[in-house]
Amino acid sequence: MFILFSIFFNVKDSQFKSGEVTYTISFNKLKSRVYGSKTKELIKNSVDVDYSLVFNNNESIYQKIKVMDNDVNPSINLTKIAAGADNVFYFNLTTNENLYNNKGHDELFLISQKKYNWKLTKENRKIGKYNCYKAIALNDGKISDVIAWYTIDIPLGFGPKYYNGLPGLILELNTKQVSFKATKIKLSEKQKNIEKPSEGIKITYEDYKKRFKGIFNDR
């Protein structure tokens, strides 16, 4: 069972100019029945991973927290793949730029995609000290399996991976494959500089999917 996270603050919430969220991502192993035996074995051996979301009042960067590789168990970790692998995800609230780097077949791509549309609900609950509301992602106007819990106590539309655009910060998000849960939040009165990814072959998400069919993703 997931332990409710602790939250650390540098300043009062109303004074912050930037922040950092640590997300712990877990694979939904109870939903693995639809997979084959080999994939089930990989899922069984998958372990939780931690990613960070660094943001200021306008931009954010989401990426894996660097740790020492496990030489004892170097097997594929499906949780890491679903969480974002080694890609760097960028979002801009003003321009709605939603970009991420991805290395496919030894080529580096800079992928752009549309911001998610969401169905907002009145359902709410507390996560830590924050009042959170439930939102459901729309895929081509239809309800999807992606559910987010966001807080307007931090009224910036950032979230893990490429899930952005809600009225507040996402503290929990569930997809078919994985669950993202905020385990630490640090807010600061100092402005953080966010470096926008610029390297790679520029391509849209739709064209990238056509070019590399069958890539593991949760959309």
C-alpha atoms as a PDB file:
ATOM      1  CA  MET A   1       0.000   0.000   0.000  1.00  0.00           C
ATOM      2  CA  PHE A   2       1.268   3.448  -0.867  1.00  0.00           C
ATOM      3  CA  ILE A   3       2.245   5.569   2.124  1.00  0.00           C
ATOM      4  CA  LEU A   4       0.828   9.090   2.104  1.00  0.00           C
ATOM      5  CA  PHE A   5       3.599  11.510   1.292  1.00  0.00           C
ATOM      6  CA  SER A   6       5.259  14.122   3.425  1.00  0.00           C
ATOM      7  CA  ILE A   7       5.586  17.702   2.161  1.00  0.00           C
ATOM      8  CA  PHE A   8       8.404  20.145   2.764  1.00  0.00           C
ATOM      9  CA  PHE A   9       8.219  23.922   2.289  1.00  0.00           C
ATOM     10  CA  ASN A  10      10.785  26.683   1.957  1.00  0.00           C
ATOM     11  CA  VAL A  11       8.253  29.497   2.204  1.00  0.00           C
ATOM     12  CA  LYS A  12       4.541  30.075   2.554  1.00  0.00           C
ATOM     13  CA  ASP A  13       2.548  28.697  -0.379  1.00  0.00           C
ATOM     14  CA  SER A  14       1.380  32.144  -1.496  1.00  0.00           C
ATOM     15  CA  GLN A  15       4.946  33.406  -1.893  1.00  0.00           C
ATOM     16  CA  PHE A  16       6.424  30.721  -4.103  1.00  0.00           C
ATOM     17  CA  LYS A  17       7.965  31.509  -7.496  1.00  0.00           C
ATOM     18  CA  SER A  18       9.110  28.008  -8.336  1.00  0.00           C
ATOM     19  CA  GLY A  19       9.021  24.480  -7.044  1.00  0.00           C
ATOM     20  CA  GLU A  20       9.953  20.856  -7.421  1.00  0.00           C
ATOM     21  CA  VAL A  21       7.783  17.762  -7.133  1.00  0.00           C
ATOM     22  CA  THR A  22       9.094  14.229  -6.722  1.00  0.00           C
ATOM     23  CA  TYR A  23       6.787  11.603  -8.199  1.00  0.00           C
ATOM     24  CA  THR A  24       7.058   7.923  -7.349  1.00  0.00           C
ATOM     25  CA  ILE A  25       5.766   5.814 -10.225  1.00  0.00           C
ATOM     26  CA  SER A  26       4.438   2.273  -9.737  1.00  0.00           C
ATOM     27  CA  PHE A  27       3.299  -0.304 -12.266  1.00  0.00           C
ATOM     28  CA  ASN A  28      -0.340  -1.402 -12.008  1.00  0.00           C
ATOM     29  CA  LYS A  29       0.459  -5.086 -11.675  1.00  0.00           C
ATOM     30  CA  LEU A  30      -3.142  -6.011 -10.875  1.00  0.00           C
ATOM     31  CA  LYS A  31      -4.094  -4.932 -14.406  1.00  0.00           C
ATOM     32  CA  SER A  32      -1.513  -7.139 -16.117  1.00  0.00           C
ATOM     33  CA  ARG A  33      -3.865  -9.933 -17.165  1.00  0.00           C
ATOM     34  CA  VAL A  34      -4.160  -8.559 -20.701  1.00  0.00           C
ATOM     35  CA  TYR A  35      -0.442  -9.129 -21.310  1.00  0.00           C
ATOM     36  CA  GLY A  36       1.391 -12.252 -22.485  1.00  0.00           C
ATOM     37  CA  SER A  37       3.490 -14.458 -20.202  1.00  0.00           C
ATOM     38  CA  LYS A  38       6.825 -12.813 -21.114  1.00  0.00           C
ATOM     39  CA  THR A  39       5.463  -9.337 -20.494  1.00  0.00           C
ATOM     40  CA  LYS A  40       3.862 -10.477 -17.239  1.00  0.00           C
ATOM     41  CA  GLU A  41       7.274 -11.669 -16.077  1.00  0.00           C
ATOM     42  CA  LEU A  42       8.769  -8.262 -16.886  1.00  0.00           C
ATOM     43  CA  ILE A  43       5.916  -6.576 -15.030  1.00  0.00           C
ATOM     44  CA  LYS A  44       6.477  -8.834 -12.031  1.00  0.00           C
ATOM     45  CA  ASN A  45      10.113  -7.748 -11.899  1.00  0.00           C
ATOM     46  CA  SER A  46       9.415  -4.054 -12.463  1.00  0.00           C
ATOM     47  CA  VAL A  47      10.249  -1.723  -9.596  1.00  0.00           C
ATOM     48  CA  ASP A  48       9.130   1.763  -8.613  1.00  0.00           C
ATOM     49  CA  VAL A  49      11.029   4.755  -9.999  1.00  0.00           C
ATOM     50  CA  ASP A  50      11.284   8.419  -9.003  1.00  0.00           C
ATOM     51  CA  TYR A  51      11.018  11.388 -11.364  1.00  0.00           C
ATOM     52  CA  SER A  52      11.184  15.116 -10.698  1.00  0.00           C
ATOM     53  CA  LEU A  53       9.061  17.970 -11.996  1.00  0.00           C
ATOM     54  CA  VAL A  54      10.822  21.330 -11.716  1.00  0.00           C
ATOM     55  CA  PHE A  55       8.753  24.424 -12.498  1.00  0.00           C
ATOM     56  CA  ASN A  56       8.518  28.189 -12.282  1.00  0.00           C
ATOM     57  CA  ASN A  57       5.438  30.326 -12.910  1.00  0.00           C
ATOM     58  CA  ASN A  58       5.467  29.585 -16.636  1.00  0.00           C
ATOM     59  CA  GLU A  59       7.571  26.528 -17.550  1.00  0.00           C
ATOM     60  CA  SER A  60       8.292  23.035 -16.321  1.00  0.00           C
ATOM     61  CA  ILE A  61      10.740  20.186 -16.901  1.00  0.00           C
ATOM     62  CA  TYR A  62      10.001  16.547 -15.991  1.00  0.00           C
ATOM     63  CA  GLN A  63      12.716  13.900 -16.020  1.00  0.00           C
ATOM     64  CA  LYS A  64      14.088  10.875 -14.176  1.00  0.00           C
ATOM     65  CA  ILE A  65      16.028  11.449 -10.990  1.00  0.00           C
ATOM     66  CA  LYS A  66      19.544  10.167 -11.570  1.00  0.00           C
ATOM     67  CA  VAL A  67      20.537   7.139  -9.482  1.00  0.00           C
ATOM     68  CA  MET A  68      23.246   4.525  -9.709  1.00  0.00           C
ATOM     69  CA  ASP A  69      22.340   1.728 -12.125  1.00  0.00           C
ATOM     70  CA  ASN A  70      21.607  -1.616 -10.542  1.00  0.00           C
ATOM     71  CA  ASP A  71      24.303  -3.939 -11.870  1.00  0.00           C
ATOM     72  CA  VAL A  72      22.843  -6.882  -9.965  1.00  0.00           C
ATOM     73  CA  ASN A  73      19.525  -6.728 -11.789  1.00  0.00           C
ATOM     74  CA  PRO A  74      20.021  -5.007 -15.163  1.00  0.00           C
ATOM     75  CA  SER A  75      16.722  -6.311 -16.625  1.00  0.00           C
ATOM     76  CA  ILE A  76      14.216  -4.095 -18.393  1.00  0.00           C
ATOM     77  CA  ASN A  77      12.103  -2.044 -16.007  1.00  0.00           C
ATOM     78  CA  LEU A  78       8.704  -1.447 -17.618  1.00  0.00           C
ATOM     79  CA  THR A  79       7.841   1.069 -14.920  1.00  0.00           C
ATOM     80  CA  LYS A  80      10.690   3.315 -16.045  1.00  0.00           C
ATOM     81  CA  ILE A  81       9.635   3.009 -19.699  1.00  0.00           C
ATOM     82  CA  ALA A  82       6.029   3.970 -18.924  1.00  0.00           C
ATOM     83  CA  ALA A  83       7.128   6.767 -16.576  1.00  0.00           C
ATOM     84  CA  GLY A  84       9.076   8.507 -19.345  1.00  0.00           C
ATOM     85  CA  ALA A  85      12.329   6.529 -19.696  1.00  0.00           C
ATOM     86  CA  ASP A  86      15.303   8.908 -20.032  1.00  0.00           C
ATOM     87  CA  ASN A  87      13.333  11.516 -21.965  1.00  0.00           C
ATOM     88  CA  VAL A  88      13.089  15.159 -20.910  1.00  0.00           C
ATOM     89  CA  PHE A  89       9.562  16.634 -20.991  1.00  0.00           C
ATOM     90  CA  TYR A  90       8.948  20.381 -21.286  1.00  0.00           C
ATOM     91  CA  PHE A  91       5.733  22.423 -21.008  1.00  0.00           C
ATOM     92  CA  ASN A  92       5.055  26.153 -21.355  1.00  0.00           C
ATOM     93  CA  LEU A  93       1.841  27.580 -19.895  1.00  0.00           C
ATOM     94  CA  THR A  94       1.857  30.661 -22.120  1.00  0.00           C
ATOM     95  CA  THR A  95       2.578  29.093 -25.494  1.00  0.00           C
ATOM     96  CA  ASN A  96       1.184  25.598 -24.702  1.00  0.00           C
ATOM     97  CA  GLU A  97       4.404  24.104 -26.089  1.00  0.00           C
ATOM     98  CA  ASN A  98       4.465  20.445 -25.086  1.00  0.00           C
ATOM     99  CA  LEU A  99       7.832  18.968 -26.085  1.00  0.00           C
ATOM    100  CA  TYR A 100      10.021  16.033 -25.201  1.00  0.00           C
ATOM    101  CA  ASN A 101      13.269  14.456 -26.317  1.00  0.00           C
ATOM    102  CA  ASN A 102      13.175  10.842 -27.409  1.00  0.00           C
ATOM    103  CA  LYS A 103      15.930   8.640 -28.773  1.00  0.00           C
ATOM    104  CA  GLY A 104      14.610   6.145 -31.307  1.00  0.00           C
ATOM    105  CA  HIS A 105      16.872   3.853 -33.329  1.00  0.00           C
ATOM    106  CA  ASP A 106      19.949   5.947 -32.406  1.00  0.00           C
ATOM    107  CA  GLU A 107      18.333   9.186 -33.583  1.00  0.00           C
ATOM    108  CA  LEU A 108      17.362  11.974 -31.189  1.00  0.00           C
ATOM    109  CA  PHE A 109      13.913  13.454 -31.798  1.00  0.00           C
ATOM    110  CA  LEU A 110      12.289  16.590 -30.424  1.00  0.00           C
ATOM    111  CA  ILE A 111       8.620  15.660 -30.355  1.00  0.00           C
ATOM    112  CA  SER A 112       5.794  18.184 -30.126  1.00  0.00           C
ATOM    113  CA  GLN A 113       2.236  17.280 -29.303  1.00  0.00           C
ATOM    114  CA  LYS A 114      -1.066  18.883 -28.443  1.00  0.00           C
ATOM    115  CA  LYS A 115      -1.971  19.644 -24.865  1.00  0.00           C
ATOM    116  CA  TYR A 116      -4.456  17.242 -23.299  1.00  0.00           C
ATOM    117  CA  ASN A 117      -8.107  18.205 -23.031  1.00  0.00           C
ATOM    118  CA  TRP A 118      -9.722  17.348 -19.712  1.00  0.00           C
ATOM    119  CA  LYS A 119     -13.174  16.727 -18.292  1.00  0.00           C
ATOM    120  CA  LEU A 120     -13.272  18.428 -14.900  1.00  0.00           C
ATOM    121  CA  THR A 121     -15.438  16.931 -12.157  1.00  0.00           C
ATOM    122  CA  LYS A 122     -16.646  18.122  -8.761  1.00  0.00           C
ATOM    123  CA  GLU A 123     -15.283  15.014  -7.064  1.00  0.00           C
ATOM    124  CA  ASN A 124     -12.654  16.016  -4.528  1.00  0.00           C
ATOM    125  CA  ARG A 125     -10.472  14.649  -1.756  1.00  0.00           C
ATOM    126  CA  LYS A 126      -7.487  15.628   0.353  1.00  0.00           C
ATOM    127  CA  ILE A 127      -3.969  14.604  -0.627  1.00  0.00           C
ATOM    128  CA  GLY A 128      -1.717  15.613   2.217  1.00  0.00           C
ATOM    129  CA  LYS A 129      -2.742  19.162   3.144  1.00  0.00           C
ATOM    130  CA  TYR A 130      -4.096  19.943  -0.333  1.00  0.00           C
ATOM    131  CA  ASN A 131      -7.667  20.008  -1.573  1.00  0.00           C
ATOM    132  CA  CYS A 132      -7.646  18.084  -4.856  1.00  0.00           C
ATOM    133  CA  TYR A 133     -10.142  17.646  -7.679  1.00  0.00           C
ATOM    134  CA  LYS A 134     -10.580  14.801 -10.121  1.00  0.00           C
ATOM    135  CA  ALA A 135     -10.146  15.278 -13.877  1.00  0.00           C
ATOM    136  CA  ILE A 136     -10.418  12.744 -16.699  1.00  0.00           C
ATOM    137  CA  ALA A 137      -8.344  13.073 -19.861  1.00  0.00           C
ATOM    138  CA  LEU A 138     -10.177  13.163 -23.180  1.00  0.00           C
ATOM    139  CA  ASN A 139      -8.876  11.302 -26.225  1.00  0.00           C
ATOM    140  CA  ASP A 140     -10.396  12.679 -29.438  1.00  0.00           C
ATOM    141  CA  GLY A 141     -13.234  14.032 -27.325  1.00  0.00           C
ATOM    142  CA  LYS A 142     -13.900  10.683 -25.643  1.00  0.00           C
ATOM    143  CA  ILE A 143     -13.346   9.720 -22.011  1.00  0.00           C
ATOM    144  CA  SER A 144     -10.029   7.897 -21.522  1.00  0.00           C
ATOM    145  CA  ASP A 145      -8.576   5.778 -18.723  1.00  0.00           C
ATOM    146  CA  VAL A 146      -6.274   8.587 -17.575  1.00  0.00           C
ATOM    147  CA  ILE A 147      -7.418  10.111 -14.281  1.00  0.00           C
ATOM    148  CA  ALA A 148      -5.681  13.018 -12.546  1.00  0.00           C
ATOM    149  CA  TRP A 149      -6.032  14.622  -9.141  1.00  0.00           C
ATOM    150  CA  TYR A 150      -4.940  18.261  -9.138  1.00  0.00           C
ATOM    151  CA  THR A 151      -4.871  21.059  -6.598  1.00  0.00           C
ATOM    152  CA  ILE A 152      -5.783  24.691  -7.234  1.00  0.00           C
ATOM    153  CA  ASP A 153      -3.875  25.507  -4.033  1.00  0.00           C
ATOM    154  CA  ILE A 154      -0.912  25.508  -6.429  1.00  0.00           C
ATOM    155  CA  PRO A 155      -2.658  27.051  -9.455  1.00  0.00           C
ATOM    156  CA  LEU A 156      -0.142  26.056 -12.131  1.00  0.00           C
ATOM    157  CA  GLY A 157      -1.167  23.580 -14.808  1.00  0.00           C
ATOM    158  CA  PHE A 158       1.852  21.286 -14.614  1.00  0.00           C
ATOM    159  CA  GLY A 159       2.068  17.549 -14.161  1.00  0.00           C
ATOM    160  CA  PRO A 160       4.188  14.475 -14.805  1.00  0.00           C
ATOM    161  CA  LYS A 161       5.319  13.468 -18.286  1.00  0.00           C
ATOM    162  CA  TYR A 162       3.135  15.229 -20.910  1.00  0.00           C
ATOM    163  CA  TYR A 163       0.045  15.512 -18.706  1.00  0.00           C
ATOM    164  CA  ASN A 164      -0.488  19.245 -18.338  1.00  0.00           C
ATOM    165  CA  GLY A 165      -3.092  21.965 -18.743  1.00  0.00           C
ATOM    166  CA  LEU A 166      -5.296  21.551 -15.664  1.00  0.00           C
ATOM    167  CA  PRO A 167      -6.255  24.474 -13.370  1.00  0.00           C
ATOM    168  CA  GLY A 168      -3.684  23.313 -10.840  1.00  0.00           C
ATOM    169  CA  LEU A 169      -0.696  21.097 -10.149  1.00  0.00           C
ATOM    170  CA  ILE A 170      -1.244  17.335 -10.565  1.00  0.00           C
ATOM    171  CA  LEU A 171      -0.464  15.418  -7.371  1.00  0.00           C
ATOM    172  CA  GLU A 172      -1.685  12.011  -8.512  1.00  0.00           C
ATOM    173  CA  LEU A 173      -2.288  10.491 -11.936  1.00  0.00           C
ATOM    174  CA  ASN A 174      -3.347   7.007 -13.023  1.00  0.00           C
ATOM    175  CA  THR A 175      -3.073   5.426 -16.464  1.00  0.00           C
ATOM    176  CA  LYS A 176      -3.643   1.860 -17.650  1.00  0.00           C
ATOM    177  CA  GLN A 177      -0.028   0.975 -16.951  1.00  0.00           C
ATOM    178  CA  VAL A 178       1.211   3.124 -14.094  1.00  0.00           C
ATOM    179  CA  SER A 179       0.334   5.380 -11.183  1.00  0.00           C
ATOM    180  CA  PHE A 180       2.164   8.654 -10.515  1.00  0.00           C
ATOM    181  CA  LYS A 181       2.040   9.870  -6.910  1.00  0.00           C
ATOM    182  CA  ALA A 182       3.694  12.978  -5.512  1.00  0.00           C
ATOM    183  CA  THR A 183       5.904  11.996  -2.586  1.00  0.00           C
ATOM    184  CA  LYS A 184       7.594  15.336  -1.943  1.00  0.00           C
ATOM    185  CA  ILE A 185       6.904  18.973  -2.817  1.00  0.00           C
ATOM    186  CA  LYS A 186       9.355  21.826  -2.331  1.00  0.00           C
ATOM    187  CA  LEU A 187       8.257  25.396  -2.980  1.00  0.00           C
ATOM    188  CA  SER A 188      10.709  28.296  -3.171  1.00  0.00           C
ATOM    189  CA  GLU A 189      10.558  32.088  -3.359  1.00  0.00           C
ATOM    190  CA  LYS A 190      13.536  31.994  -5.730  1.00  0.00           C
ATOM    191  CA  GLN A 191      12.912  31.926  -9.482  1.00  0.00           C
ATOM    192  CA  LYS A 192      14.219  28.794 -11.206  1.00  0.00           C
ATOM    193  CA  ASN A 193      15.462  28.927 -14.784  1.00  0.00           C
ATOM    194  CA  ILE A 194      13.987  26.212 -16.985  1.00  0.00           C
ATOM    195  CA  GLU A 195      16.014  25.117 -19.995  1.00  0.00           C
ATOM    196  CA  LYS A 196      13.819  24.282 -22.972  1.00  0.00           C
ATOM    197  CA  PRO A 197      14.962  21.211 -24.978  1.00  0.00           C
ATOM    198  CA  SER A 198      16.282  22.209 -28.395  1.00  0.00           C
ATOM    199  CA  GLU A 199      18.267  19.268 -29.733  1.00  0.00           C
ATOM    200  CA  GLY A 200      16.844  16.583 -32.000  1.00  0.00           C
ATOM    201  CA  ILE A 201      14.922  16.090 -35.212  1.00  0.00           C
ATOM    202  CA  LYS A 202      11.707  18.111 -34.899  1.00  0.00           C
ATOM    203  CA  ILE A 203       8.611  15.985 -35.458  1.00  0.00           C
ATOM    204  CA  THR A 204       4.988  15.858 -34.291  1.00  0.00           C
ATOM    205  CA  TYR A 205       3.777  13.109 -31.995  1.00  0.00           C
ATOM    206  CA  GLU A 206       1.438  11.797 -34.714  1.00  0.00           C
ATOM    207  CA  ASP A 207       4.253  11.511 -37.266  1.00  0.00           C
ATOM    208  CA  TYR A 208       6.522   9.919 -34.675  1.00  0.00           C
ATOM    209  CA  LYS A 209       3.912   7.233 -33.961  1.00  0.00           C
ATOM    210  CA  LYS A 210       3.649   6.462 -37.671  1.00  0.00           C
ATOM    211  CA  ARG A 211       7.417   6.233 -37.976  1.00  0.00           C
ATOM    212  CA  PHE A 212       7.870   3.922 -34.988  1.00  0.00           C
ATOM    213  CA  LYS A 213       4.811   1.731 -34.666  1.00  0.00           C
ATOM    214  CA  GLY A 214       4.442  -0.540 -31.656  1.00  0.00           C
ATOM    215  CA  ILE A 215       6.444   1.572 -29.214  1.00  0.00           C
ATOM    216  CA  PHE A 216       5.301   1.029 -25.615  1.00  0.00           C
ATOM    217  CA  ASN A 217       3.190   3.975 -24.501  1.00  0.00           C
ATOM    218  CA  ASP A 218       0.025   4.592 -22.528  1.00  0.00           C
ATOM    219  CA  ARG A 219      -1.911   6.861 -24.834  1.00  0.00           C
END
